[in-house]
N, C-alpha and C. Protein backbone atom coordinates (compact mmCIF):
# COMPACT_ATOMS: atom_id res chain seq x y z
N MET A 1 -89.67 38.36 -30.56
CA MET A 1 -90.72 38.67 -29.59
C MET A 1 -90.59 37.79 -28.34
N ILE A 2 -90.29 36.50 -28.57
CA ILE A 2 -90.11 35.58 -27.45
C ILE A 2 -88.91 35.99 -26.62
N LEU A 3 -87.82 36.38 -27.31
CA LEU A 3 -86.61 36.77 -26.60
C LEU A 3 -86.84 38.05 -25.79
N LEU A 4 -87.58 38.98 -26.34
CA LEU A 4 -87.89 40.21 -25.60
C LEU A 4 -88.70 39.87 -24.35
N PHE A 5 -89.64 38.95 -24.48
CA PHE A 5 -90.43 38.52 -23.32
C PHE A 5 -89.53 37.91 -22.25
N LEU A 6 -88.63 37.02 -22.66
CA LEU A 6 -87.70 36.39 -21.72
C LEU A 6 -86.79 37.41 -21.05
N THR A 7 -86.53 38.50 -21.76
CA THR A 7 -85.63 39.52 -21.25
C THR A 7 -86.27 40.39 -20.18
N VAL A 8 -87.53 40.77 -20.37
CA VAL A 8 -88.17 41.70 -19.44
C VAL A 8 -89.12 41.01 -18.45
N ALA A 9 -89.55 39.79 -18.77
CA ALA A 9 -90.51 39.09 -17.92
C ALA A 9 -90.03 38.89 -16.48
N PRO A 10 -88.76 38.55 -16.24
CA PRO A 10 -88.33 38.35 -14.85
C PRO A 10 -88.54 39.57 -13.96
N SER A 11 -88.27 40.76 -14.50
CA SER A 11 -88.47 41.98 -13.71
C SER A 11 -89.94 42.22 -13.42
N PHE A 12 -90.79 42.01 -14.42
CA PHE A 12 -92.22 42.21 -14.22
C PHE A 12 -92.79 41.16 -13.27
N PHE A 13 -92.27 39.94 -13.34
CA PHE A 13 -92.73 38.89 -12.44
C PHE A 13 -92.40 39.24 -10.99
N ILE A 14 -91.19 39.71 -10.75
CA ILE A 14 -90.77 40.07 -9.39
C ILE A 14 -91.65 41.19 -8.84
N VAL A 15 -91.88 42.23 -9.66
CA VAL A 15 -92.73 43.35 -9.24
C VAL A 15 -94.15 42.86 -8.98
N PHE A 16 -94.69 42.06 -9.89
CA PHE A 16 -96.06 41.55 -9.75
C PHE A 16 -96.20 40.73 -8.46
N TYR A 17 -95.24 39.86 -8.22
CA TYR A 17 -95.31 39.01 -7.02
C TYR A 17 -95.26 39.85 -5.75
N LEU A 18 -94.33 40.80 -5.71
CA LEU A 18 -94.14 41.61 -4.50
C LEU A 18 -95.36 42.49 -4.24
N VAL A 19 -95.83 43.16 -5.28
CA VAL A 19 -96.97 44.06 -5.13
C VAL A 19 -98.22 43.30 -4.69
N ASN A 20 -98.42 42.12 -5.23
CA ASN A 20 -99.62 41.34 -4.89
C ASN A 20 -99.48 40.59 -3.58
N SER A 21 -98.26 40.54 -3.03
CA SER A 21 -98.05 39.92 -1.72
C SER A 21 -98.19 40.92 -0.59
N ASP A 22 -98.18 42.21 -0.94
CA ASP A 22 -98.31 43.27 0.04
C ASP A 22 -99.74 43.29 0.59
N ARG A 23 -99.89 43.15 1.91
CA ARG A 23 -101.23 43.10 2.51
C ARG A 23 -101.97 44.42 2.42
N PHE A 24 -101.21 45.51 2.34
CA PHE A 24 -101.80 46.83 2.13
C PHE A 24 -101.15 47.42 0.89
N PRO A 25 -101.64 47.03 -0.30
CA PRO A 25 -100.98 47.38 -1.56
C PRO A 25 -100.78 48.89 -1.75
N GLU A 26 -99.66 49.21 -2.36
CA GLU A 26 -99.36 50.61 -2.66
C GLU A 26 -100.13 51.05 -3.90
N PRO A 27 -100.39 52.36 -4.04
CA PRO A 27 -101.10 52.85 -5.23
C PRO A 27 -100.35 52.48 -6.50
N LYS A 28 -101.08 52.04 -7.49
CA LYS A 28 -100.45 51.59 -8.74
C LYS A 28 -99.60 52.68 -9.39
N GLU A 29 -100.07 53.93 -9.27
CA GLU A 29 -99.29 55.01 -9.91
C GLU A 29 -97.93 55.20 -9.26
N LYS A 30 -97.84 54.92 -7.95
CA LYS A 30 -96.56 55.04 -7.26
C LYS A 30 -95.63 53.87 -7.62
N ILE A 31 -96.22 52.71 -7.82
CA ILE A 31 -95.45 51.55 -8.26
C ILE A 31 -94.87 51.82 -9.65
N VAL A 32 -95.71 52.30 -10.53
CA VAL A 32 -95.27 52.61 -11.90
C VAL A 32 -94.22 53.73 -11.89
N LYS A 33 -94.45 54.74 -11.08
CA LYS A 33 -93.50 55.85 -11.00
C LYS A 33 -92.13 55.37 -10.53
N SER A 34 -92.10 54.52 -9.53
CA SER A 34 -90.83 53.98 -9.03
C SER A 34 -90.13 53.16 -10.11
N PHE A 35 -90.90 52.34 -10.83
CA PHE A 35 -90.35 51.52 -11.91
C PHE A 35 -89.76 52.41 -13.01
N LEU A 36 -90.50 53.46 -13.39
CA LEU A 36 -90.04 54.35 -14.45
C LEU A 36 -88.80 55.13 -14.05
N TRP A 37 -88.70 55.50 -12.77
CA TRP A 37 -87.48 56.16 -12.30
C TRP A 37 -86.29 55.22 -12.43
N GLY A 38 -86.52 53.93 -12.21
CA GLY A 38 -85.44 52.95 -12.39
C GLY A 38 -84.96 52.91 -13.83
N ILE A 39 -85.90 53.01 -14.77
CA ILE A 39 -85.54 53.06 -16.19
C ILE A 39 -84.76 54.34 -16.49
N ALA A 40 -85.22 55.46 -15.95
CA ALA A 40 -84.61 56.75 -16.24
C ALA A 40 -83.15 56.85 -15.80
N ILE A 41 -82.83 56.27 -14.65
CA ILE A 41 -81.47 56.45 -14.13
C ILE A 41 -80.44 55.57 -14.84
N ILE A 42 -80.89 54.67 -15.71
CA ILE A 42 -79.91 53.84 -16.40
C ILE A 42 -79.08 54.66 -17.39
N PHE A 43 -79.65 55.76 -17.87
CA PHE A 43 -78.91 56.58 -18.85
C PHE A 43 -77.74 57.32 -18.21
N PRO A 44 -77.93 58.06 -17.12
CA PRO A 44 -76.76 58.65 -16.46
C PRO A 44 -75.82 57.58 -15.91
N ALA A 45 -76.36 56.43 -15.49
CA ALA A 45 -75.52 55.35 -14.98
C ALA A 45 -74.59 54.83 -16.08
N ALA A 46 -75.13 54.66 -17.28
CA ALA A 46 -74.32 54.15 -18.40
C ALA A 46 -73.19 55.12 -18.75
N ILE A 47 -73.50 56.41 -18.75
CA ILE A 47 -72.48 57.42 -19.06
C ILE A 47 -71.39 57.42 -18.00
N ALA A 48 -71.81 57.43 -16.73
CA ALA A 48 -70.84 57.45 -15.63
C ALA A 48 -70.00 56.18 -15.60
N ASN A 49 -70.63 55.03 -15.82
CA ASN A 49 -69.89 53.77 -15.84
C ASN A 49 -68.83 53.74 -16.93
N ASP A 50 -69.21 54.21 -18.12
CA ASP A 50 -68.26 54.24 -19.24
C ASP A 50 -67.07 55.14 -18.94
N LEU A 51 -67.34 56.32 -18.40
CA LEU A 51 -66.26 57.25 -18.07
C LEU A 51 -65.33 56.67 -17.02
N LEU A 52 -65.91 56.08 -15.99
CA LEU A 52 -65.09 55.51 -14.92
C LEU A 52 -64.28 54.31 -15.40
N ILE A 53 -64.90 53.43 -16.16
CA ILE A 53 -64.19 52.24 -16.64
C ILE A 53 -63.04 52.62 -17.56
N ASN A 54 -63.28 53.61 -18.44
CA ASN A 54 -62.19 54.08 -19.32
C ASN A 54 -61.04 54.64 -18.49
N ASN A 55 -61.39 55.35 -17.42
CA ASN A 55 -60.37 55.92 -16.54
C ASN A 55 -59.57 54.82 -15.85
N TRP A 56 -60.28 53.82 -15.30
CA TRP A 56 -59.58 52.73 -14.61
C TRP A 56 -58.76 51.88 -15.57
N ASN A 57 -59.25 51.71 -16.80
CA ASN A 57 -58.48 50.97 -17.81
C ASN A 57 -57.17 51.69 -18.13
N ALA A 58 -57.24 53.01 -18.22
CA ALA A 58 -56.04 53.81 -18.50
C ALA A 58 -55.02 53.68 -17.38
N LEU A 59 -55.52 53.42 -16.18
CA LEU A 59 -54.63 53.27 -15.02
C LEU A 59 -54.25 51.80 -14.77
N ASN A 60 -54.66 50.92 -15.72
CA ASN A 60 -54.36 49.48 -15.64
C ASN A 60 -54.93 48.82 -14.38
N ILE A 61 -56.11 49.29 -13.96
CA ILE A 61 -56.80 48.65 -12.84
C ILE A 61 -57.47 47.38 -13.35
N SER A 62 -57.38 46.32 -12.60
CA SER A 62 -57.98 45.06 -12.99
C SER A 62 -59.48 45.21 -13.25
N GLN A 63 -59.98 44.56 -14.33
CA GLN A 63 -61.40 44.67 -14.69
C GLN A 63 -62.30 44.10 -13.61
N SER A 64 -61.86 43.05 -12.94
CA SER A 64 -62.70 42.46 -11.89
C SER A 64 -62.94 43.45 -10.75
N ILE A 65 -62.00 44.38 -10.55
CA ILE A 65 -62.15 45.42 -9.53
C ILE A 65 -62.88 46.63 -10.09
N SER A 66 -62.44 47.09 -11.28
CA SER A 66 -63.02 48.32 -11.85
C SER A 66 -64.49 48.16 -12.22
N HIS A 67 -64.89 46.96 -12.69
CA HIS A 67 -66.29 46.73 -13.07
C HIS A 67 -67.16 46.42 -11.85
N SER A 68 -66.54 46.28 -10.71
CA SER A 68 -67.29 45.92 -9.51
C SER A 68 -67.39 47.07 -8.53
N PHE A 69 -66.30 47.34 -7.84
CA PHE A 69 -66.31 48.31 -6.75
C PHE A 69 -66.06 49.75 -7.18
N LEU A 70 -65.55 49.95 -8.40
CA LEU A 70 -65.13 51.29 -8.81
C LEU A 70 -66.00 51.90 -9.90
N SER A 71 -67.05 51.22 -10.30
CA SER A 71 -67.94 51.80 -11.32
C SER A 71 -69.40 51.41 -11.06
N ALA A 72 -69.79 50.19 -11.45
CA ALA A 72 -71.21 49.81 -11.39
C ALA A 72 -71.81 49.95 -10.00
N ALA A 73 -71.15 49.42 -8.99
CA ALA A 73 -71.74 49.42 -7.64
C ALA A 73 -71.98 50.82 -7.09
N PRO A 74 -70.96 51.70 -7.05
CA PRO A 74 -71.21 53.04 -6.50
C PRO A 74 -72.14 53.88 -7.36
N VAL A 75 -72.01 53.75 -8.68
CA VAL A 75 -72.84 54.56 -9.59
C VAL A 75 -74.30 54.14 -9.52
N GLU A 76 -74.56 52.87 -9.72
CA GLU A 76 -75.95 52.40 -9.80
C GLU A 76 -76.67 52.45 -8.46
N GLU A 77 -75.99 52.00 -7.40
CA GLU A 77 -76.63 52.08 -6.09
C GLU A 77 -76.74 53.52 -5.61
N GLY A 78 -75.78 54.35 -5.99
CA GLY A 78 -75.85 55.76 -5.63
C GLY A 78 -77.04 56.45 -6.27
N LEU A 79 -77.30 56.14 -7.54
CA LEU A 79 -78.44 56.75 -8.24
C LEU A 79 -79.77 56.23 -7.67
N LYS A 80 -79.82 54.96 -7.34
CA LYS A 80 -81.04 54.43 -6.72
C LYS A 80 -81.29 55.11 -5.37
N PHE A 81 -80.22 55.28 -4.61
CA PHE A 81 -80.34 55.94 -3.30
C PHE A 81 -80.81 57.38 -3.47
N LEU A 82 -80.33 58.05 -4.50
CA LEU A 82 -80.75 59.42 -4.78
C LEU A 82 -82.25 59.49 -5.04
N ILE A 83 -82.76 58.57 -5.86
CA ILE A 83 -84.20 58.55 -6.15
C ILE A 83 -84.99 58.17 -4.90
N LEU A 84 -84.46 57.24 -4.12
CA LEU A 84 -85.14 56.85 -2.87
C LEU A 84 -85.30 58.05 -1.94
N THR A 85 -84.23 58.78 -1.72
CA THR A 85 -84.27 59.87 -0.74
C THR A 85 -84.94 61.14 -1.27
N SER A 86 -84.89 61.36 -2.57
CA SER A 86 -85.44 62.60 -3.12
C SER A 86 -86.85 62.47 -3.69
N VAL A 87 -87.25 61.24 -4.02
CA VAL A 87 -88.58 61.02 -4.63
C VAL A 87 -89.43 60.07 -3.79
N ILE A 88 -88.98 58.84 -3.65
CA ILE A 88 -89.79 57.80 -2.99
C ILE A 88 -90.07 58.13 -1.53
N ALA A 89 -89.07 58.63 -0.83
CA ALA A 89 -89.24 58.94 0.60
C ALA A 89 -90.32 59.99 0.84
N LYS A 90 -90.65 60.76 -0.21
CA LYS A 90 -91.66 61.82 -0.08
C LYS A 90 -93.07 61.33 -0.42
N PHE A 91 -93.19 60.08 -0.85
CA PHE A 91 -94.53 59.54 -1.11
C PHE A 91 -95.31 59.49 0.21
N LYS A 92 -96.49 60.09 0.23
CA LYS A 92 -97.30 60.04 1.47
C LYS A 92 -97.75 58.61 1.77
N ASP A 93 -97.72 57.76 0.73
CA ASP A 93 -98.13 56.36 0.92
C ASP A 93 -97.00 55.51 1.49
N TYR A 94 -95.80 56.07 1.59
CA TYR A 94 -94.69 55.35 2.23
C TYR A 94 -94.88 55.50 3.74
N ASP A 95 -95.79 54.68 4.28
CA ASP A 95 -96.16 54.83 5.69
C ASP A 95 -96.02 53.54 6.49
N ASP A 96 -95.50 52.51 5.84
CA ASP A 96 -95.19 51.24 6.52
C ASP A 96 -93.76 50.86 6.17
N ALA A 97 -93.10 50.18 7.10
CA ALA A 97 -91.71 49.78 6.85
C ALA A 97 -91.58 48.92 5.59
N VAL A 98 -92.57 48.04 5.37
CA VAL A 98 -92.50 47.14 4.21
C VAL A 98 -92.55 47.91 2.89
N ASP A 99 -93.10 49.13 2.91
CA ASP A 99 -93.18 49.93 1.69
C ASP A 99 -91.80 50.25 1.13
N GLY A 100 -90.81 50.37 2.02
CA GLY A 100 -89.46 50.63 1.56
C GLY A 100 -88.94 49.49 0.69
N ILE A 101 -89.28 48.27 1.07
CA ILE A 101 -88.88 47.11 0.27
C ILE A 101 -89.60 47.14 -1.08
N VAL A 102 -90.91 47.35 -1.04
CA VAL A 102 -91.73 47.31 -2.26
C VAL A 102 -91.27 48.38 -3.26
N TYR A 103 -91.15 49.62 -2.81
CA TYR A 103 -90.77 50.70 -3.72
C TYR A 103 -89.35 50.55 -4.25
N CYS A 104 -88.42 50.14 -3.39
CA CYS A 104 -87.03 50.02 -3.82
C CYS A 104 -86.83 48.85 -4.78
N VAL A 105 -87.59 47.78 -4.59
CA VAL A 105 -87.52 46.67 -5.54
C VAL A 105 -88.10 47.09 -6.88
N CYS A 106 -89.20 47.83 -6.87
CA CYS A 106 -89.78 48.33 -8.13
C CYS A 106 -88.79 49.25 -8.85
N LEU A 107 -88.15 50.11 -8.09
CA LEU A 107 -87.12 51.00 -8.65
C LEU A 107 -86.00 50.17 -9.28
N SER A 108 -85.52 49.19 -8.57
CA SER A 108 -84.41 48.36 -9.05
C SER A 108 -84.80 47.54 -10.27
N GLN A 109 -86.06 47.12 -10.35
CA GLN A 109 -86.49 46.30 -11.47
C GLN A 109 -86.72 47.12 -12.74
N GLY A 110 -87.06 48.38 -12.60
CA GLY A 110 -87.10 49.26 -13.76
C GLY A 110 -85.71 49.36 -14.38
N PHE A 111 -84.72 49.53 -13.49
CA PHE A 111 -83.33 49.59 -13.92
C PHE A 111 -82.91 48.26 -14.56
N ALA A 112 -83.22 47.16 -13.89
CA ALA A 112 -82.79 45.84 -14.36
C ALA A 112 -83.42 45.47 -15.70
N ALA A 113 -84.67 45.86 -15.92
CA ALA A 113 -85.36 45.52 -17.16
C ALA A 113 -84.68 46.15 -18.37
N LEU A 114 -84.38 47.45 -18.28
CA LEU A 114 -83.75 48.12 -19.41
C LEU A 114 -82.29 47.68 -19.56
N GLU A 115 -81.61 47.48 -18.44
CA GLU A 115 -80.23 46.98 -18.50
C GLU A 115 -80.20 45.62 -19.18
N ASN A 116 -81.19 44.78 -18.88
CA ASN A 116 -81.26 43.45 -19.48
C ASN A 116 -81.42 43.52 -20.99
N ILE A 117 -82.25 44.46 -21.45
CA ILE A 117 -82.44 44.63 -22.90
C ILE A 117 -81.11 44.99 -23.56
N TYR A 118 -80.36 45.88 -22.91
CA TYR A 118 -79.05 46.27 -23.45
C TYR A 118 -78.10 45.08 -23.52
N TYR A 119 -78.03 44.30 -22.45
CA TYR A 119 -77.12 43.16 -22.42
C TYR A 119 -77.53 42.10 -23.45
N VAL A 120 -78.80 41.75 -23.47
CA VAL A 120 -79.27 40.65 -24.31
C VAL A 120 -79.22 41.00 -25.79
N PHE A 121 -79.69 42.20 -26.15
CA PHE A 121 -79.83 42.55 -27.56
C PHE A 121 -78.63 43.31 -28.13
N SER A 122 -78.00 44.16 -27.35
CA SER A 122 -76.91 44.99 -27.86
C SER A 122 -75.54 44.37 -27.60
N LEU A 123 -75.29 44.07 -26.34
CA LEU A 123 -73.95 43.60 -25.97
C LEU A 123 -73.67 42.18 -26.45
N TYR A 124 -74.70 41.32 -26.43
CA TYR A 124 -74.50 39.92 -26.81
C TYR A 124 -75.27 39.49 -28.06
N GLY A 125 -75.80 40.45 -28.83
CA GLY A 125 -76.40 40.14 -30.11
C GLY A 125 -77.58 39.19 -30.08
N ALA A 126 -78.59 39.50 -29.31
CA ALA A 126 -79.83 38.72 -29.22
C ALA A 126 -79.57 37.29 -28.76
N SER A 127 -79.10 37.17 -27.53
CA SER A 127 -78.71 35.87 -26.99
C SER A 127 -79.75 35.31 -26.02
N TYR A 128 -80.30 34.15 -26.36
CA TYR A 128 -81.23 33.47 -25.46
C TYR A 128 -80.51 32.99 -24.20
N GLU A 129 -79.26 32.58 -24.37
CA GLU A 129 -78.48 32.09 -23.23
C GLU A 129 -78.28 33.18 -22.18
N ILE A 130 -77.94 34.38 -22.65
CA ILE A 130 -77.73 35.51 -21.73
C ILE A 130 -79.04 35.90 -21.06
N ALA A 131 -80.14 35.87 -21.81
CA ALA A 131 -81.45 36.20 -21.24
C ALA A 131 -81.80 35.24 -20.11
N LEU A 132 -81.57 33.95 -20.32
CA LEU A 132 -81.88 32.95 -19.30
C LEU A 132 -80.92 33.05 -18.11
N LEU A 133 -79.65 33.27 -18.40
CA LEU A 133 -78.67 33.40 -17.33
C LEU A 133 -78.98 34.58 -16.43
N ARG A 134 -79.26 35.73 -17.03
CA ARG A 134 -79.51 36.94 -16.24
C ARG A 134 -80.86 36.88 -15.52
N ALA A 135 -81.78 36.06 -16.02
CA ALA A 135 -83.07 35.90 -15.33
C ALA A 135 -82.89 35.29 -13.95
N PHE A 136 -81.79 34.54 -13.77
CA PHE A 136 -81.53 33.89 -12.49
C PHE A 136 -80.30 34.46 -11.78
N SER A 137 -79.78 35.57 -12.31
CA SER A 137 -78.59 36.15 -11.69
C SER A 137 -78.74 37.65 -11.51
N ALA A 138 -78.50 38.42 -12.55
CA ALA A 138 -78.48 39.88 -12.43
C ALA A 138 -79.83 40.47 -12.03
N VAL A 139 -80.91 39.95 -12.61
CA VAL A 139 -82.24 40.51 -12.31
C VAL A 139 -82.62 40.31 -10.84
N PRO A 140 -82.58 39.08 -10.30
CA PRO A 140 -82.86 38.93 -8.87
C PRO A 140 -81.82 39.61 -7.99
N ALA A 141 -80.58 39.74 -8.49
CA ALA A 141 -79.55 40.45 -7.72
C ALA A 141 -79.95 41.90 -7.52
N HIS A 142 -80.41 42.55 -8.58
CA HIS A 142 -80.86 43.94 -8.47
C HIS A 142 -82.05 44.04 -7.51
N ALA A 143 -82.95 43.07 -7.56
CA ALA A 143 -84.08 43.07 -6.64
C ALA A 143 -83.60 42.99 -5.20
N MET A 144 -82.60 42.15 -4.97
CA MET A 144 -82.04 41.99 -3.63
C MET A 144 -81.35 43.26 -3.15
N PHE A 145 -80.57 43.90 -4.03
CA PHE A 145 -79.92 45.16 -3.65
C PHE A 145 -80.98 46.20 -3.26
N GLY A 146 -82.05 46.27 -4.06
CA GLY A 146 -83.11 47.23 -3.78
C GLY A 146 -83.83 46.93 -2.49
N ALA A 147 -84.13 45.65 -2.26
CA ALA A 147 -84.84 45.26 -1.04
C ALA A 147 -84.04 45.63 0.20
N ILE A 148 -82.75 45.37 0.16
CA ILE A 148 -81.90 45.65 1.32
C ILE A 148 -81.74 47.15 1.54
N MET A 149 -81.68 47.91 0.44
CA MET A 149 -81.67 49.36 0.57
C MET A 149 -82.95 49.82 1.26
N GLY A 150 -84.08 49.26 0.85
CA GLY A 150 -85.35 49.62 1.46
C GLY A 150 -85.46 49.20 2.91
N ILE A 151 -84.89 48.05 3.25
CA ILE A 151 -84.92 47.57 4.64
C ILE A 151 -84.19 48.54 5.55
N PHE A 152 -82.99 48.94 5.15
CA PHE A 152 -82.21 49.83 6.00
C PHE A 152 -82.78 51.25 6.02
N TYR A 153 -83.37 51.68 4.89
CA TYR A 153 -83.95 53.03 4.89
C TYR A 153 -85.21 53.07 5.75
N SER A 154 -86.02 52.03 5.69
CA SER A 154 -87.19 51.97 6.57
C SER A 154 -86.76 51.88 8.04
N SER A 155 -85.68 51.16 8.30
CA SER A 155 -85.15 51.09 9.67
C SER A 155 -84.68 52.46 10.13
N HIS A 156 -84.14 53.25 9.20
CA HIS A 156 -83.76 54.63 9.50
C HIS A 156 -84.99 55.45 9.89
N LEU A 157 -86.08 55.27 9.16
CA LEU A 157 -87.31 56.01 9.46
C LEU A 157 -87.95 55.55 10.76
N LEU A 158 -87.80 54.27 11.08
CA LEU A 158 -88.39 53.72 12.31
C LEU A 158 -87.59 54.08 13.55
N ALA A 159 -86.29 54.28 13.40
CA ALA A 159 -85.42 54.50 14.55
C ALA A 159 -85.81 55.75 15.34
N LYS A 160 -85.68 55.66 16.65
CA LYS A 160 -86.03 56.78 17.53
C LYS A 160 -84.81 57.63 17.88
N LYS A 161 -83.69 56.96 18.09
CA LYS A 161 -82.49 57.67 18.49
C LYS A 161 -81.76 58.27 17.28
N LYS A 162 -81.20 59.45 17.47
CA LYS A 162 -80.52 60.16 16.39
C LYS A 162 -79.37 59.35 15.82
N GLU A 163 -78.58 58.71 16.72
CA GLU A 163 -77.43 57.94 16.26
C GLU A 163 -77.86 56.70 15.48
N ASP A 164 -79.00 56.10 15.86
CA ASP A 164 -79.52 54.94 15.13
C ASP A 164 -80.01 55.36 13.75
N LYS A 165 -80.69 56.49 13.69
CA LYS A 165 -81.14 57.01 12.40
C LYS A 165 -79.97 57.21 11.45
N LYS A 166 -78.91 57.82 11.96
CA LYS A 166 -77.73 58.08 11.14
C LYS A 166 -77.09 56.78 10.68
N MET A 167 -76.98 55.81 11.60
CA MET A 167 -76.36 54.53 11.26
C MET A 167 -77.14 53.81 10.16
N PHE A 168 -78.47 53.74 10.29
CA PHE A 168 -79.28 53.03 9.30
C PHE A 168 -79.28 53.76 7.95
N LEU A 169 -79.21 55.09 7.98
CA LEU A 169 -79.14 55.85 6.73
C LEU A 169 -77.86 55.52 5.99
N ILE A 170 -76.75 55.47 6.71
CA ILE A 170 -75.47 55.12 6.09
C ILE A 170 -75.51 53.69 5.56
N LEU A 171 -76.07 52.78 6.34
CA LEU A 171 -76.14 51.38 5.92
C LEU A 171 -77.03 51.19 4.69
N SER A 172 -78.03 52.07 4.52
CA SER A 172 -78.95 51.92 3.39
C SER A 172 -78.28 52.17 2.04
N ILE A 173 -77.13 52.84 2.04
CA ILE A 173 -76.35 52.99 0.79
C ILE A 173 -75.12 52.10 0.82
N LEU A 174 -74.49 51.96 2.01
CA LEU A 174 -73.24 51.21 2.11
C LEU A 174 -73.43 49.72 1.84
N VAL A 175 -74.45 49.10 2.44
CA VAL A 175 -74.64 47.66 2.29
C VAL A 175 -74.99 47.28 0.85
N PRO A 176 -75.95 47.96 0.18
CA PRO A 176 -76.20 47.63 -1.24
C PRO A 176 -74.97 47.83 -2.12
N PHE A 177 -74.19 48.87 -1.84
CA PHE A 177 -72.96 49.11 -2.61
C PHE A 177 -72.01 47.92 -2.46
N LEU A 178 -71.79 47.48 -1.23
CA LEU A 178 -70.87 46.36 -0.99
C LEU A 178 -71.40 45.06 -1.60
N LEU A 179 -72.70 44.81 -1.44
CA LEU A 179 -73.29 43.61 -2.02
C LEU A 179 -73.18 43.61 -3.54
N HIS A 180 -73.46 44.75 -4.15
CA HIS A 180 -73.36 44.87 -5.61
C HIS A 180 -71.92 44.68 -6.06
N GLY A 181 -70.99 45.31 -5.33
CA GLY A 181 -69.59 45.18 -5.68
C GLY A 181 -69.10 43.74 -5.58
N PHE A 182 -69.42 43.07 -4.48
CA PHE A 182 -68.99 41.68 -4.31
C PHE A 182 -69.69 40.75 -5.31
N TYR A 183 -70.97 41.04 -5.61
CA TYR A 183 -71.68 40.22 -6.61
C TYR A 183 -70.95 40.29 -7.95
N ASN A 184 -70.67 41.51 -8.42
CA ASN A 184 -69.97 41.66 -9.70
C ASN A 184 -68.60 41.00 -9.67
N TYR A 185 -67.90 41.19 -8.56
CA TYR A 185 -66.56 40.61 -8.42
C TYR A 185 -66.62 39.08 -8.47
N PHE A 186 -67.55 38.51 -7.73
CA PHE A 186 -67.68 37.05 -7.73
C PHE A 186 -68.05 36.52 -9.11
N MET A 187 -68.92 37.25 -9.84
CA MET A 187 -69.32 36.79 -11.17
C MET A 187 -68.15 36.83 -12.15
N HIS A 188 -67.13 37.64 -11.85
CA HIS A 188 -65.91 37.67 -12.66
C HIS A 188 -64.98 36.51 -12.33
N ILE A 189 -64.83 36.20 -11.04
CA ILE A 189 -63.80 35.24 -10.65
C ILE A 189 -64.34 33.84 -10.33
N MET A 190 -65.55 33.75 -9.77
CA MET A 190 -66.14 32.45 -9.41
C MET A 190 -67.66 32.62 -9.31
N PRO A 191 -68.37 32.50 -10.43
CA PRO A 191 -69.82 32.79 -10.48
C PRO A 191 -70.67 32.11 -9.41
N ILE A 192 -70.28 30.91 -9.01
CA ILE A 192 -71.09 30.21 -8.01
C ILE A 192 -71.21 31.03 -6.72
N LEU A 193 -70.17 31.78 -6.38
CA LEU A 193 -70.22 32.62 -5.19
C LEU A 193 -71.22 33.77 -5.38
N GLY A 194 -71.33 34.26 -6.62
CA GLY A 194 -72.31 35.29 -6.92
C GLY A 194 -73.73 34.79 -6.72
N PHE A 195 -73.98 33.57 -7.20
CA PHE A 195 -75.32 32.98 -7.03
C PHE A 195 -75.63 32.74 -5.55
N ILE A 196 -74.65 32.30 -4.79
CA ILE A 196 -74.85 32.07 -3.36
C ILE A 196 -75.17 33.39 -2.65
N LEU A 197 -74.45 34.44 -3.02
CA LEU A 197 -74.69 35.76 -2.43
C LEU A 197 -76.12 36.21 -2.69
N VAL A 198 -76.60 36.02 -3.91
CA VAL A 198 -77.96 36.42 -4.26
C VAL A 198 -78.99 35.61 -3.46
N ILE A 199 -78.79 34.32 -3.35
CA ILE A 199 -79.72 33.46 -2.61
C ILE A 199 -79.80 33.87 -1.14
N VAL A 200 -78.63 34.09 -0.53
CA VAL A 200 -78.59 34.49 0.88
C VAL A 200 -79.24 35.86 1.06
N GLY A 201 -78.95 36.79 0.15
CA GLY A 201 -79.53 38.14 0.24
C GLY A 201 -81.03 38.14 0.07
N ILE A 202 -81.54 37.31 -0.84
CA ILE A 202 -82.99 37.21 -1.05
C ILE A 202 -83.66 36.61 0.19
N TYR A 203 -83.04 35.60 0.77
CA TYR A 203 -83.59 34.99 1.98
C TYR A 203 -83.66 36.02 3.11
N PHE A 204 -82.58 36.77 3.30
CA PHE A 204 -82.54 37.81 4.32
C PHE A 204 -83.65 38.84 4.09
N SER A 205 -83.78 39.29 2.84
CA SER A 205 -84.79 40.29 2.49
C SER A 205 -86.19 39.76 2.70
N TYR A 206 -86.41 38.51 2.33
CA TYR A 206 -87.75 37.93 2.44
C TYR A 206 -88.18 37.80 3.90
N THR A 207 -87.25 37.51 4.80
CA THR A 207 -87.60 37.41 6.22
C THR A 207 -88.11 38.75 6.74
N PHE A 208 -87.51 39.84 6.29
CA PHE A 208 -87.99 41.17 6.70
C PHE A 208 -89.34 41.48 6.06
N PHE A 209 -89.51 41.09 4.81
CA PHE A 209 -90.78 41.34 4.13
C PHE A 209 -91.92 40.64 4.88
N VAL A 210 -91.71 39.38 5.25
CA VAL A 210 -92.73 38.62 5.98
C VAL A 210 -92.98 39.23 7.35
N LYS A 211 -91.91 39.63 8.03
CA LYS A 211 -92.03 40.20 9.38
C LYS A 211 -92.79 41.52 9.37
N TRP A 212 -92.52 42.35 8.38
CA TRP A 212 -93.11 43.70 8.33
C TRP A 212 -94.47 43.74 7.65
N ASN A 213 -94.73 42.82 6.75
CA ASN A 213 -95.91 42.89 5.91
C ASN A 213 -97.21 42.85 6.70
N GLY A 214 -97.95 43.95 6.70
CA GLY A 214 -99.22 44.03 7.40
C GLY A 214 -99.13 44.16 8.88
N ASN A 215 -97.92 44.31 9.42
CA ASN A 215 -97.74 44.41 10.87
C ASN A 215 -97.81 45.87 11.32
N LYS A 216 -98.82 46.21 12.09
CA LYS A 216 -99.04 47.60 12.49
C LYS A 216 -97.95 48.14 13.42
N ARG A 217 -97.15 47.22 13.98
CA ARG A 217 -96.08 47.68 14.86
C ARG A 217 -94.95 48.38 14.08
N PHE A 218 -94.99 48.24 12.75
CA PHE A 218 -93.93 48.83 11.94
C PHE A 218 -94.45 49.95 11.04
N LYS A 219 -95.42 50.69 11.58
CA LYS A 219 -95.92 51.88 10.89
C LYS A 219 -94.87 52.99 11.02
N ILE A 220 -94.73 53.76 9.96
CA ILE A 220 -93.75 54.85 9.97
C ILE A 220 -94.46 56.16 10.31
């Protein structure tokens, strides 16, 4: 029971902190819906990741590359982007730029929570060490990927010029993909670089959250 708490608590803490820091809180049902969509997409992500990794292994592609840029990053960020554009973007309550950060982080934490259960209980046989390690690595990393996706997507919605809209839309999938890919790669070859990437990404995301939060100039 304690291990399960340690496994899922980081995701719930991040969501709780973000939602309660929002000066104009989003409806609870939309927060829950975003979180549940994050849980739902882990199943197609797992299938796609397995198929891709088996394919890259057959081609003798290095694991540090195949587990980073050629499977997890495009699959997982692609599925999050799909839910963002097809579900979250249609929420009538998505009317402030900061909402993109809030909803995308909730989406990412639904994914991270269930992924964490798989890693801690299935892949590593109920490991307290893995639960603690991922609480300070993979879980906040997913939050950071989601926040940055939300930042660029909200920037896409805020942009006035057609070319700016297109650029920010592309960046809203490209940047999280690259960050996720480099994070996984660094954790394979030199973990300290992965932790640094997460810290820098969280700082960048937090500056936008503070700038946009409650600021009427960033209404969508």
